[in-house]
Amino acid sequence: WRANVGANVILQMIKTSNPDYDVSANSIIELRQAGVDQSIILAM
């Protein structure tokens, strides 16, 4: 996200990778504060 790869590329990578995400409330807040798009967080 910080490298401005683009939401569509990140979403595709999420779909085709093994997930190892921390989707706790604190982690989601951290991602949103960093500006990560909501669609990416939902895909995670």
PDB file of all heavy atoms in Angstrom:
ATOM      1  N   TRP A   1       0.834  -1.205   0.000  1.00  0.00           N
ATOM      2  CA  TRP A   1       0.000   0.000   0.000  1.00  0.00           C
ATOM      3  C   TRP A   1       0.869   1.255   0.000  1.00  0.00           C
ATOM      4  O   TRP A   1       0.639   2.182  -0.774  1.00  0.00           O
ATOM      5  CB  TRP A   1      -0.937  -0.010   1.210  1.00  0.00           C
ATOM      6  CG  TRP A   1      -1.849   1.174   1.220  1.00  0.00           C
ATOM      7  CD1 TRP A   1      -1.721   2.304   1.969  1.00  0.00           C
ATOM      8  CD2 TRP A   1      -3.018   1.365   0.417  1.00  0.00           C
ATOM      9  NE1 TRP A   1      -2.742   3.171   1.678  1.00  0.00           N
ATOM     10  CE2 TRP A   1      -3.550   2.623   0.731  1.00  0.00           C
ATOM     11  CE3 TRP A   1      -3.665   0.579  -0.536  1.00  0.00           C
ATOM     12  CZ2 TRP A   1      -4.692   3.113   0.123  1.00  0.00           C
ATOM     13  CZ3 TRP A   1      -4.809   1.079  -1.137  1.00  0.00           C
ATOM     14  CH2 TRP A   1      -5.311   2.331  -0.801  1.00  0.00           C
ATOM     15  N   ARG A   2       1.884   1.270   0.855  1.00  0.00           N
ATOM     16  CA  ARG A   2       2.766   2.450   0.956  1.00  0.00           C
ATOM     17  C   ARG A   2       3.604   2.648  -0.301  1.00  0.00           C
ATOM     18  O   ARG A   2       4.042   3.755  -0.587  1.00  0.00           O
ATOM     19  CB  ARG A   2       3.653   2.331   2.193  1.00  0.00           C
ATOM     20  CG  ARG A   2       2.843   2.525   3.471  1.00  0.00           C
ATOM     21  CD  ARG A   2       3.697   2.483   4.707  1.00  0.00           C
ATOM     22  NE  ARG A   2       2.886   2.869   5.870  1.00  0.00           N
ATOM     23  CZ  ARG A   2       3.039   2.363   7.078  1.00  0.00           C
ATOM     24  NH1 ARG A   2       3.976   1.454   7.314  1.00  0.00           N
ATOM     25  NH2 ARG A   2       2.263   2.759   8.068  1.00  0.00           N
ATOM     26  N   ALA A   3       3.807   1.561  -1.060  1.00  0.00           N
ATOM     27  CA  ALA A   3       4.558   1.653  -2.317  1.00  0.00           C
ATOM     28  C   ALA A   3       3.646   2.046  -3.486  1.00  0.00           C
ATOM     29  O   ALA A   3       4.096   2.090  -4.630  1.00  0.00           O
ATOM     30  CB  ALA A   3       5.244   0.322  -2.604  1.00  0.00           C
ATOM     31  N   ASN A   4       2.378   2.346  -3.181  1.00  0.00           N
ATOM     32  CA  ASN A   4       1.396   2.756  -4.198  1.00  0.00           C
ATOM     33  C   ASN A   4       1.250   1.734  -5.320  1.00  0.00           C
ATOM     34  O   ASN A   4       1.134   2.105  -6.483  1.00  0.00           O
ATOM     35  CB  ASN A   4       1.762   4.135  -4.782  1.00  0.00           C
ATOM     36  CG  ASN A   4       1.617   5.225  -3.760  1.00  0.00           C
ATOM     37  OD1 ASN A   4       0.616   5.284  -3.052  1.00  0.00           O
ATOM     38  ND2 ASN A   4       2.613   6.078  -3.656  1.00  0.00           N
ATOM     39  N   VAL A   5       1.245   0.460  -4.957  1.00  0.00           N
ATOM     40  CA  VAL A   5       1.076  -0.602  -5.948  1.00  0.00           C
ATOM     41  C   VAL A   5      -0.320  -0.547  -6.559  1.00  0.00           C
ATOM     42  O   VAL A   5      -0.493  -0.855  -7.727  1.00  0.00           O
ATOM     43  CB  VAL A   5       1.360  -1.980  -5.283  1.00  0.00           C
ATOM     44  CG1 VAL A   5       0.957  -3.125  -6.185  1.00  0.00           C
ATOM     45  CG2 VAL A   5       2.822  -2.086  -4.908  1.00  0.00           C
ATOM     46  N   GLY A   6      -1.290  -0.155  -5.769  1.00  0.00           N
ATOM     47  CA  GLY A   6      -2.662  -0.042  -6.266  1.00  0.00           C
ATOM     48  C   GLY A   6      -3.557  -1.098  -5.640  1.00  0.00           C
ATOM     49  O   GLY A   6      -3.142  -2.249  -5.436  1.00  0.00           O
ATOM     50  N   ALA A   7      -4.778  -0.691  -5.325  1.00  0.00           N
ATOM     51  CA  ALA A   7      -5.734  -1.571  -4.644  1.00  0.00           C
ATOM     52  C   ALA A   7      -6.028  -2.829  -5.443  1.00  0.00           C
ATOM     53  O   ALA A   7      -6.089  -3.920  -4.885  1.00  0.00           O
ATOM     54  CB  ALA A   7      -7.020  -0.803  -4.341  1.00  0.00           C
ATOM     55  N   ASN A   8      -6.185  -2.706  -6.770  1.00  0.00           N
ATOM     56  CA  ASN A   8      -6.532  -3.880  -7.579  1.00  0.00           C
ATOM     57  C   ASN A   8      -5.437  -4.938  -7.550  1.00  0.00           C
ATOM     58  O   ASN A   8      -5.724  -6.136  -7.500  1.00  0.00           O
ATOM     59  CB  ASN A   8      -6.846  -3.476  -9.022  1.00  0.00           C
ATOM     60  CG  ASN A   8      -8.158  -2.737  -9.129  1.00  0.00           C
ATOM     61  OD1 ASN A   8      -9.025  -2.857  -8.259  1.00  0.00           O
ATOM     62  ND2 ASN A   8      -8.316  -1.947 -10.177  1.00  0.00           N
ATOM     63  N   VAL A   9      -4.186  -4.498  -7.576  1.00  0.00           N
ATOM     64  CA  VAL A   9      -3.062  -5.442  -7.527  1.00  0.00           C
ATOM     65  C   VAL A   9      -3.022  -6.133  -6.165  1.00  0.00           C
ATOM     66  O   VAL A   9      -2.873  -7.356  -6.080  1.00  0.00           O
ATOM     67  CB  VAL A   9      -1.719  -4.720  -7.814  1.00  0.00           C
ATOM     68  CG1 VAL A   9      -0.542  -5.654  -7.589  1.00  0.00           C
ATOM     69  CG2 VAL A   9      -1.707  -4.173  -9.231  1.00  0.00           C
ATOM     70  N   ILE A  10      -3.193  -5.361  -5.101  1.00  0.00           N
ATOM     71  CA  ILE A  10      -3.176  -5.929  -3.745  1.00  0.00           C
ATOM     72  C   ILE A  10      -4.336  -6.909  -3.574  1.00  0.00           C
ATOM     73  O   ILE A  10      -4.154  -8.005  -3.027  1.00  0.00           O
ATOM     74  CB  ILE A  10      -3.201  -4.826  -2.677  1.00  0.00           C
ATOM     75  CG1 ILE A  10      -1.936  -3.949  -2.785  1.00  0.00           C
ATOM     76  CG2 ILE A  10      -3.312  -5.434  -1.271  1.00  0.00           C
ATOM     77  CD1 ILE A  10      -1.962  -2.687  -1.943  1.00  0.00           C
ATOM     78  N   LEU A  11      -5.512  -6.554  -4.054  1.00  0.00           N
ATOM     79  CA  LEU A  11      -6.677  -7.444  -3.954  1.00  0.00           C
ATOM     80  C   LEU A  11      -6.415  -8.762  -4.683  1.00  0.00           C
ATOM     81  O   LEU A  11      -6.753  -9.838  -4.179  1.00  0.00           O
ATOM     82  CB  LEU A  11      -7.931  -6.769  -4.521  1.00  0.00           C
ATOM     83  CG  LEU A  11      -8.521  -5.664  -3.651  1.00  0.00           C
ATOM     84  CD1 LEU A  11      -9.575  -4.877  -4.429  1.00  0.00           C
ATOM     85  CD2 LEU A  11      -9.103  -6.219  -2.367  1.00  0.00           C
ATOM     86  N   GLN A  12      -5.803  -8.693  -5.852  1.00  0.00           N
ATOM     87  CA  GLN A  12      -5.495  -9.917  -6.604  1.00  0.00           C
ATOM     88  C   GLN A  12      -4.478 -10.774  -5.847  1.00  0.00           C
ATOM     89  O   GLN A  12      -4.594 -11.992  -5.799  1.00  0.00           O
ATOM     90  CB  GLN A  12      -4.970  -9.563  -8.004  1.00  0.00           C
ATOM     91  CG  GLN A  12      -4.812 -10.761  -8.908  1.00  0.00           C
ATOM     92  CD  GLN A  12      -6.124 -11.494  -9.158  1.00  0.00           C
ATOM     93  OE1 GLN A  12      -7.191 -10.888  -9.231  1.00  0.00           O
ATOM     94  NE2 GLN A  12      -6.060 -12.798  -9.275  1.00  0.00           N
ATOM     95  N   MET A  13      -3.487 -10.134  -5.255  1.00  0.00           N
ATOM     96  CA  MET A  13      -2.486 -10.867  -4.473  1.00  0.00           C
ATOM     97  C   MET A  13      -3.128 -11.537  -3.258  1.00  0.00           C
ATOM     98  O   MET A  13      -2.769 -12.658  -2.911  1.00  0.00           O
ATOM     99  CB  MET A  13      -1.354  -9.925  -4.047  1.00  0.00           C
ATOM    100  CG  MET A  13      -0.488  -9.484  -5.214  1.00  0.00           C
ATOM    101  SD  MET A  13       0.803  -8.337  -4.714  1.00  0.00           S
ATOM    102  CE  MET A  13       1.924  -9.441  -3.866  1.00  0.00           C
ATOM    103  N   ILE A  14      -4.081 -10.846  -2.614  1.00  0.00           N
ATOM    104  CA  ILE A  14      -4.788 -11.431  -1.467  1.00  0.00           C
ATOM    105  C   ILE A  14      -5.548 -12.684  -1.914  1.00  0.00           C
ATOM    106  O   ILE A  14      -5.520 -13.706  -1.234  1.00  0.00           O
ATOM    107  CB  ILE A  14      -5.738 -10.386  -0.827  1.00  0.00           C
ATOM    108  CG1 ILE A  14      -4.922  -9.326  -0.084  1.00  0.00           C
ATOM    109  CG2 ILE A  14      -6.746 -11.056   0.113  1.00  0.00           C
ATOM    110  CD1 ILE A  14      -5.710  -8.117   0.377  1.00  0.00           C
ATOM    111  N   LYS A  15      -6.195 -12.603  -3.087  1.00  0.00           N
ATOM    112  CA  LYS A  15      -6.992 -13.732  -3.593  1.00  0.00           C
ATOM    113  C   LYS A  15      -6.125 -14.940  -3.928  1.00  0.00           C
ATOM    114  O   LYS A  15      -6.596 -16.068  -3.867  1.00  0.00           O
ATOM    115  CB  LYS A  15      -7.766 -13.315  -4.848  1.00  0.00           C
ATOM    116  CG  LYS A  15      -8.940 -12.421  -4.579  1.00  0.00           C
ATOM    117  CD  LYS A  15      -9.613 -12.051  -5.896  1.00  0.00           C
ATOM    118  CE  LYS A  15     -10.570 -10.892  -5.698  1.00  0.00           C
ATOM    119  NZ  LYS A  15     -10.896 -10.218  -6.935  1.00  0.00           N
ATOM    120  N   THR A  16      -4.873 -14.701  -4.334  1.00  0.00           N
ATOM    121  CA  THR A  16      -4.039 -15.790  -4.829  1.00  0.00           C
ATOM    122  C   THR A  16      -2.919 -16.189  -3.871  1.00  0.00           C
ATOM    123  O   THR A  16      -2.012 -16.922  -4.248  1.00  0.00           O
ATOM    124  CB  THR A  16      -3.428 -15.413  -6.195  1.00  0.00           C
ATOM    125  OG1 THR A  16      -2.657 -14.214  -6.044  1.00  0.00           O
ATOM    126  CG2 THR A  16      -4.515 -15.201  -7.241  1.00  0.00           C
ATOM    127  N   SER A  17      -2.985 -15.720  -2.634  1.00  0.00           N
ATOM    128  CA  SER A  17      -1.945 -16.029  -1.652  1.00  0.00           C
ATOM    129  C   SER A  17      -2.533 -16.750  -0.445  1.00  0.00           C
ATOM    130  O   SER A  17      -3.744 -16.724  -0.223  1.00  0.00           O
ATOM    131  CB  SER A  17      -1.289 -14.737  -1.155  1.00  0.00           C
ATOM    132  OG  SER A  17      -0.723 -14.026  -2.219  1.00  0.00           O
ATOM    133  N   ASN A  18      -1.659 -17.370   0.316  1.00  0.00           N
ATOM    134  CA  ASN A  18      -2.075 -17.976   1.582  1.00  0.00           C
ATOM    135  C   ASN A  18      -2.248 -16.861   2.608  1.00  0.00           C
ATOM    136  O   ASN A  18      -1.331 -16.063   2.800  1.00  0.00           O
ATOM    137  CB  ASN A  18      -1.026 -18.975   2.083  1.00  0.00           C
ATOM    138  CG  ASN A  18      -0.965 -20.207   1.213  1.00  0.00           C
ATOM    139  OD1 ASN A  18      -1.979 -20.736   0.807  1.00  0.00           O
ATOM    140  ND2 ASN A  18       0.242 -20.644   0.911  1.00  0.00           N
ATOM    141  N   PRO A  19      -3.404 -16.804   3.274  1.00  0.00           N
ATOM    142  CA  PRO A  19      -3.643 -15.713   4.226  1.00  0.00           C
ATOM    143  C   PRO A  19      -2.990 -15.972   5.580  1.00  0.00           C
ATOM    144  O   PRO A  19      -3.066 -17.071   6.120  1.00  0.00           O
ATOM    145  CB  PRO A  19      -5.167 -15.699   4.359  1.00  0.00           C
ATOM    146  CG  PRO A  19      -5.586 -17.108   4.087  1.00  0.00           C
ATOM    147  CD  PRO A  19      -4.579 -17.661   3.109  1.00  0.00           C
ATOM    148  N   ASP A  20      -2.319 -14.953   6.090  1.00  0.00           N
ATOM    149  CA  ASP A  20      -1.775 -14.998   7.447  1.00  0.00           C
ATOM    150  C   ASP A  20      -1.980 -13.618   8.064  1.00  0.00           C
ATOM    151  O   ASP A  20      -1.043 -12.956   8.468  1.00  0.00           O
ATOM    152  CB  ASP A  20      -0.293 -15.387   7.424  1.00  0.00           C
ATOM    153  CG  ASP A  20       0.268 -15.573   8.829  1.00  0.00           C
ATOM    154  OD1 ASP A  20      -0.516 -15.906   9.746  1.00  0.00           O
ATOM    155  OD2 ASP A  20       1.479 -15.368   9.022  1.00  0.00           O
ATOM    156  N   TYR A  21      -3.242 -13.165   8.060  1.00  0.00           N
ATOM    157  CA  TYR A  21      -3.563 -11.809   8.492  1.00  0.00           C
ATOM    158  C   TYR A  21      -3.982 -11.769   9.950  1.00  0.00           C
ATOM    159  O   TYR A  21      -4.612 -12.698  10.443  1.00  0.00           O
ATOM    160  CB  TYR A  21      -4.708 -11.233   7.647  1.00  0.00           C
ATOM    161  CG  TYR A  21      -4.437 -11.282   6.174  1.00  0.00           C
ATOM    162  CD1 TYR A  21      -5.179 -12.099   5.343  1.00  0.00           C
ATOM    163  CD2 TYR A  21      -3.409 -10.524   5.624  1.00  0.00           C
ATOM    164  CE1 TYR A  21      -4.916 -12.167   3.981  1.00  0.00           C
ATOM    165  CE2 TYR A  21      -3.142 -10.583   4.266  1.00  0.00           C
ATOM    166  CZ  TYR A  21      -3.897 -11.404   3.457  1.00  0.00           C
ATOM    167  OH  TYR A  21      -3.627 -11.462   2.128  1.00  0.00           O
ATOM    168  N   ASP A  22      -3.641 -10.669  10.584  1.00  0.00           N
ATOM    169  CA  ASP A  22      -4.170 -10.367  11.917  1.00  0.00           C
ATOM    170  C   ASP A  22      -5.350  -9.439  11.670  1.00  0.00           C
ATOM    171  O   ASP A  22      -5.156  -8.302  11.251  1.00  0.00           O
ATOM    172  CB  ASP A  22      -3.086  -9.687  12.755  1.00  0.00           C
ATOM    173  CG  ASP A  22      -3.589  -9.284  14.139  1.00  0.00           C
ATOM    174  OD1 ASP A  22      -4.800  -9.463  14.422  1.00  0.00           O
ATOM    175  OD2 ASP A  22      -2.780  -8.787  14.929  1.00  0.00           O
ATOM    176  N   VAL A  23      -6.558  -9.950  11.870  1.00  0.00           N
ATOM    177  CA  VAL A  23      -7.750  -9.126  11.618  1.00  0.00           C
ATOM    178  C   VAL A  23      -8.426  -8.733  12.929  1.00  0.00           C
ATOM    179  O   VAL A  23      -9.642  -8.562  12.983  1.00  0.00           O
ATOM    180  CB  VAL A  23      -8.731  -9.812  10.633  1.00  0.00           C
ATOM    181  CG1 VAL A  23      -8.144  -9.854   9.240  1.00  0.00           C
ATOM    182  CG2 VAL A  23      -9.104 -11.211  11.096  1.00  0.00           C
ATOM    183  N   SER A  24      -7.627  -8.576  13.969  1.00  0.00           N
ATOM    184  CA  SER A  24      -8.150  -8.078  15.239  1.00  0.00           C
ATOM    185  C   SER A  24      -8.519  -6.601  15.075  1.00  0.00           C
ATOM    186  O   SER A  24      -8.075  -5.935  14.124  1.00  0.00           O
ATOM    187  CB  SER A  24      -7.100  -8.230  16.340  1.00  0.00           C
ATOM    188  OG  SER A  24      -5.990  -7.386  16.077  1.00  0.00           O
ATOM    189  N   ALA A  25      -9.311  -6.102  15.983  1.00  0.00           N
ATOM    190  CA  ALA A  25      -9.742  -4.697  15.912  1.00  0.00           C
ATOM    191  C   ALA A  25      -8.550  -3.750  15.861  1.00  0.00           C
ATOM    192  O   ALA A  25      -8.523  -2.824  15.041  1.00  0.00           O
ATOM    193  CB  ALA A  25     -10.633  -4.369  17.116  1.00  0.00           C
ATOM    194  N   ASN A  26      -7.556  -3.981  16.701  1.00  0.00           N
ATOM    195  CA  ASN A  26      -6.387  -3.082  16.731  1.00  0.00           C
ATOM    196  C   ASN A  26      -5.640  -3.068  15.401  1.00  0.00           C
ATOM    197  O   ASN A  26      -5.195  -2.022  14.936  1.00  0.00           O
ATOM    198  CB  ASN A  26      -5.430  -3.473  17.860  1.00  0.00           C
ATOM    199  CG  ASN A  26      -5.975  -3.088  19.222  1.00  0.00           C
ATOM    200  OD1 ASN A  26      -6.856  -2.237  19.336  1.00  0.00           O
ATOM    201  ND2 ASN A  26      -5.466  -3.724  20.259  1.00  0.00           N
ATOM    202  N   SER A  27      -5.511  -4.234  14.790  1.00  0.00           N
ATOM    203  CA  SER A  27      -4.806  -4.311  13.510  1.00  0.00           C
ATOM    204  C   SER A  27      -5.579  -3.624  12.401  1.00  0.00           C
ATOM    205  O   SER A  27      -4.999  -2.951  11.550  1.00  0.00           O
ATOM    206  CB  SER A  27      -4.546  -5.771  13.141  1.00  0.00           C
ATOM    207  OG  SER A  27      -3.623  -6.322  14.044  1.00  0.00           O
ATOM    208  N   ILE A  28      -6.898  -3.788  12.413  1.00  0.00           N
ATOM    209  CA  ILE A  28      -7.725  -3.133  11.399  1.00  0.00           C
ATOM    210  C   ILE A  28      -7.664  -1.613  11.564  1.00  0.00           C
ATOM    211  O   ILE A  28      -7.548  -0.882  10.582  1.00  0.00           O
ATOM    212  CB  ILE A  28      -9.171  -3.677  11.443  1.00  0.00           C
ATOM    213  CG1 ILE A  28      -9.165  -5.119  10.929  1.00  0.00           C
ATOM    214  CG2 ILE A  28     -10.115  -2.787  10.631  1.00  0.00           C
ATOM    215  CD1 ILE A  28     -10.463  -5.860  11.108  1.00  0.00           C
ATOM    216  N   ILE A  29      -7.696  -1.147  12.794  1.00  0.00           N
ATOM    217  CA  ILE A  29      -7.571   0.292  13.060  1.00  0.00           C
ATOM    218  C   ILE A  29      -6.225   0.803  12.548  1.00  0.00           C
ATOM    219  O   ILE A  29      -6.149   1.851  11.893  1.00  0.00           O
ATOM    220  CB  ILE A  29      -7.743   0.588  14.574  1.00  0.00           C
ATOM    221  CG1 ILE A  29      -9.201   0.341  14.974  1.00  0.00           C
ATOM    222  CG2 ILE A  29      -7.302   2.013  14.901  1.00  0.00           C
ATOM    223  CD1 ILE A  29      -9.422   0.263  16.481  1.00  0.00           C
ATOM    224  N   GLU A  30      -5.166   0.040  12.789  1.00  0.00           N
ATOM    225  CA  GLU A  30      -3.827   0.421  12.326  1.00  0.00           C
ATOM    226  C   GLU A  30      -3.781   0.525  10.798  1.00  0.00           C
ATOM    227  O   GLU A  30      -3.218   1.478  10.248  1.00  0.00           O
ATOM    228  CB  GLU A  30      -2.829  -0.634  12.813  1.00  0.00           C
ATOM    229  CG  GLU A  30      -1.386  -0.286  12.584  1.00  0.00           C
ATOM    230  CD  GLU A  30      -0.464  -1.375  13.110  1.00  0.00           C
ATOM    231  OE1 GLU A  30      -0.682  -1.868  14.239  1.00  0.00           O
ATOM    232  OE2 GLU A  30       0.472  -1.747  12.375  1.00  0.00           O
ATOM    233  N   LEU A  31      -4.390  -0.441  10.110  1.00  0.00           N
ATOM    234  CA  LEU A  31      -4.424  -0.406   8.651  1.00  0.00           C
ATOM    235  C   LEU A  31      -5.202   0.808   8.142  1.00  0.00           C
ATOM    236  O   LEU A  31      -4.768   1.501   7.217  1.00  0.00           O
ATOM    237  CB  LEU A  31      -5.048  -1.691   8.105  1.00  0.00           C
ATOM    238  CG  LEU A  31      -4.199  -2.959   8.242  1.00  0.00           C
ATOM    239  CD1 LEU A  31      -5.049  -4.201   7.993  1.00  0.00           C
ATOM    240  CD2 LEU A  31      -3.006  -2.927   7.312  1.00  0.00           C
ATOM    241  N   ARG A  32      -6.353   1.081   8.752  1.00  0.00           N
ATOM    242  CA  ARG A  32      -7.155   2.237   8.326  1.00  0.00           C
ATOM    243  C   ARG A  32      -6.418   3.545   8.577  1.00  0.00           C
ATOM    244  O   ARG A  32      -6.463   4.455   7.762  1.00  0.00           O
ATOM    245  CB  ARG A  32      -8.518   2.253   9.037  1.00  0.00           C
ATOM    246  CG  ARG A  32      -9.506   1.252   8.494  1.00  0.00           C
ATOM    247  CD  ARG A  32      -9.850   1.464   7.026  1.00  0.00           C
ATOM    248  NE  ARG A  32     -10.630   2.655   6.818  1.00  0.00           N
ATOM    249  CZ  ARG A  32     -10.638   3.376   5.703  1.00  0.00           C
ATOM    250  NH1 ARG A  32      -9.922   3.027   4.676  1.00  0.00           N
ATOM    251  NH2 ARG A  32     -11.381   4.444   5.620  1.00  0.00           N
ATOM    252  N   GLN A  33      -5.724   3.632   9.722  1.00  0.00           N
ATOM    253  CA  GLN A  33      -4.972   4.849  10.026  1.00  0.00           C
ATOM    254  C   GLN A  33      -3.837   5.057   9.034  1.00  0.00           C
ATOM    255  O   GLN A  33      -3.435   6.181   8.779  1.00  0.00           O
ATOM    256  CB  GLN A  33      -4.449   4.813  11.463  1.00  0.00           C
ATOM    257  CG  GLN A  33      -5.553   5.029  12.486  1.00  0.00           C
ATOM    258  CD  GLN A  33      -5.095   4.893  13.927  1.00  0.00           C
ATOM    259  OE1 GLN A  33      -4.079   4.260  14.221  1.00  0.00           O
ATOM    260  NE2 GLN A  33      -5.864   5.447  14.838  1.00  0.00           N
ATOM    261  N   ALA A  34      -3.338   3.957   8.459  1.00  0.00           N
ATOM    262  CA  ALA A  34      -2.295   4.050   7.434  1.00  0.00           C
ATOM    263  C   ALA A  34      -2.891   4.377   6.067  1.00  0.00           C
ATOM    264  O   ALA A  34      -2.165   4.560   5.095  1.00  0.00           O
ATOM    265  CB  ALA A  34      -1.517   2.734   7.373  1.00  0.00           C
ATOM    266  N   GLY A  35      -4.238   4.435   5.995  1.00  0.00           N
ATOM    267  CA  GLY A  35      -4.895   4.817   4.758  1.00  0.00           C
ATOM    268  C   GLY A  35      -5.265   3.662   3.848  1.00  0.00           C
ATOM    269  O   GLY A  35      -5.696   3.878   2.723  1.00  0.00           O
ATOM    270  N   VAL A  36      -5.077   2.417   4.324  1.00  0.00           N
ATOM    271  CA  VAL A  36      -5.395   1.254   3.490  1.00  0.00           C
ATOM    272  C   VAL A  36      -6.888   1.246   3.172  1.00  0.00           C
ATOM    273  O   VAL A  36      -7.722   1.461   4.048  1.00  0.00           O
ATOM    274  CB  VAL A  36      -4.967  -0.062   4.195  1.00  0.00           C
ATOM    275  CG1 VAL A  36      -5.403  -1.282   3.387  1.00  0.00           C
ATOM    276  CG2 VAL A  36      -3.460  -0.077   4.416  1.00  0.00           C
ATOM    277  N   ASP A  37      -7.196   0.999   1.904  1.00  0.00           N
ATOM    278  CA  ASP A  37      -8.573   1.021   1.421  1.00  0.00           C
ATOM    279  C   ASP A  37      -9.420  -0.046   2.114  1.00  0.00           C
ATOM    280  O   ASP A  37      -8.956  -1.158   2.365  1.00  0.00           O
ATOM    281  CB  ASP A  37      -8.572   0.787  -0.095  1.00  0.00           C
ATOM    282  CG  ASP A  37      -9.909   1.096  -0.713  1.00  0.00           C
ATOM    283  OD1 ASP A  37     -10.197   2.291  -0.897  1.00  0.00           O
ATOM    284  OD2 ASP A  37     -10.663   0.143  -0.981  1.00  0.00           O
ATOM    285  N   GLN A  38     -10.660   0.303   2.395  1.00  0.00           N
ATOM    286  CA  GLN A  38     -11.582  -0.597   3.081  1.00  0.00           C
ATOM    287  C   GLN A  38     -11.779  -1.907   2.310  1.00  0.00           C
ATOM    288  O   GLN A  38     -11.906  -2.974   2.909  1.00  0.00           O
ATOM    289  CB  GLN A  38     -12.920   0.111   3.280  1.00  0.00           C
ATOM    290  CG  GLN A  38     -13.861  -0.632   4.200  1.00  0.00           C
ATOM    291  CD  GLN A  38     -15.094   0.199   4.530  1.00  0.00           C
ATOM    292  OE1 GLN A  38     -15.219   1.357   4.155  1.00  0.00           O
ATOM    293  NE2 GLN A  38     -16.006  -0.393   5.251  1.00  0.00           N
ATOM    294  N   SER A  39     -11.784  -1.843   0.980  1.00  0.00           N
ATOM    295  CA  SER A  39     -11.980  -3.059   0.180  1.00  0.00           C
ATOM    296  C   SER A  39     -10.853  -4.055   0.407  1.00  0.00           C
ATOM    297  O   SER A  39     -11.073  -5.278   0.397  1.00  0.00           O
ATOM    298  CB  SER A  39     -12.093  -2.718  -1.304  1.00  0.00           C
ATOM    299  OG  SER A  39     -10.880  -2.160  -1.781  1.00  0.00           O
ATOM    300  N   ILE A  40      -9.652  -3.562   0.646  1.00  0.00           N
ATOM    301  CA  ILE A  40      -8.505  -4.432   0.914  1.00  0.00           C
ATOM    302  C   ILE A  40      -8.654  -5.086   2.283  1.00  0.00           C
ATOM    303  O   ILE A  40      -8.432  -6.292   2.436  1.00  0.00           O
ATOM    304  CB  ILE A  40      -7.182  -3.636   0.800  1.00  0.00           C
ATOM    305  CG1 ILE A  40      -6.957  -3.214  -0.651  1.00  0.00           C
ATOM    306  CG2 ILE A  40      -6.003  -4.449   1.338  1.00  0.00           C
ATOM    307  CD1 ILE A  40      -5.837  -2.237  -0.853  1.00  0.00           C
ATOM    308  N   ILE A  41      -9.071  -4.310   3.268  1.00  0.00           N
ATOM    309  CA  ILE A  41      -9.265  -4.854   4.620  1.00  0.00           C
ATOM    310  C   ILE A  41     -10.370  -5.920   4.601  1.00  0.00           C
ATOM    311  O   ILE A  41     -10.225  -6.986   5.196  1.00  0.00           O
ATOM    312  CB  ILE A  41      -9.569  -3.726   5.624  1.00  0.00           C
ATOM    313  CG1 ILE A  41      -8.338  -2.812   5.754  1.00  0.00           C
ATOM    314  CG2 ILE A  41      -9.972  -4.301   6.984  1.00  0.00           C
ATOM    315  CD1 ILE A  41      -8.568  -1.534   6.522  1.00  0.00           C
ATOM    316  N   LEU A  42     -11.452  -5.663   3.878  1.00  0.00           N
ATOM    317  CA  LEU A  42     -12.534  -6.646   3.763  1.00  0.00           C
ATOM    318  C   LEU A  42     -12.041  -7.931   3.091  1.00  0.00           C
ATOM    319  O   LEU A  42     -12.389  -9.032   3.514  1.00  0.00           O
ATOM    320  CB  LEU A  42     -13.714  -6.060   2.982  1.00  0.00           C
ATOM    321  CG  LEU A  42     -14.528  -5.001   3.722  1.00  0.00           C
ATOM    322  CD1 LEU A  42     -15.500  -4.309   2.772  1.00  0.00           C
ATOM    323  CD2 LEU A  42     -15.263  -5.600   4.898  1.00  0.00           C
ATOM    324  N   ALA A  43     -11.205  -7.793   2.073  1.00  0.00           N
ATOM    325  CA  ALA A  43     -10.655  -8.974   1.390  1.00  0.00           C
ATOM    326  C   ALA A  43      -9.755  -9.766   2.334  1.00  0.00           C
ATOM    327  O   ALA A  43      -9.746 -11.001   2.300  1.00  0.00           O
ATOM    328  CB  ALA A  43      -9.885  -8.546   0.145  1.00  0.00           C
ATOM    329  N   MET A  44      -9.007  -9.073   3.190  1.00  0.00           N
ATOM    330  CA  MET A  44      -8.150  -9.738   4.181  1.00  0.00           C
ATOM    331  C   MET A  44      -9.005 -10.543   5.165  1.00  0.00           C
ATOM    332  O   MET A  44      -8.672 -11.679   5.503  1.00  0.00           O
ATOM    333  CB  MET A  44      -7.301  -8.709   4.938  1.00  0.00           C
ATOM    334  CG  MET A  44      -6.227  -8.053   4.091  1.00  0.00           C
ATOM    335  SD  MET A  44      -5.489  -6.614   4.909  1.00  0.00           S
ATOM    336  CE  MET A  44      -4.600  -7.364   6.263  1.00  0.00           C
TER     337      MET A  44
END
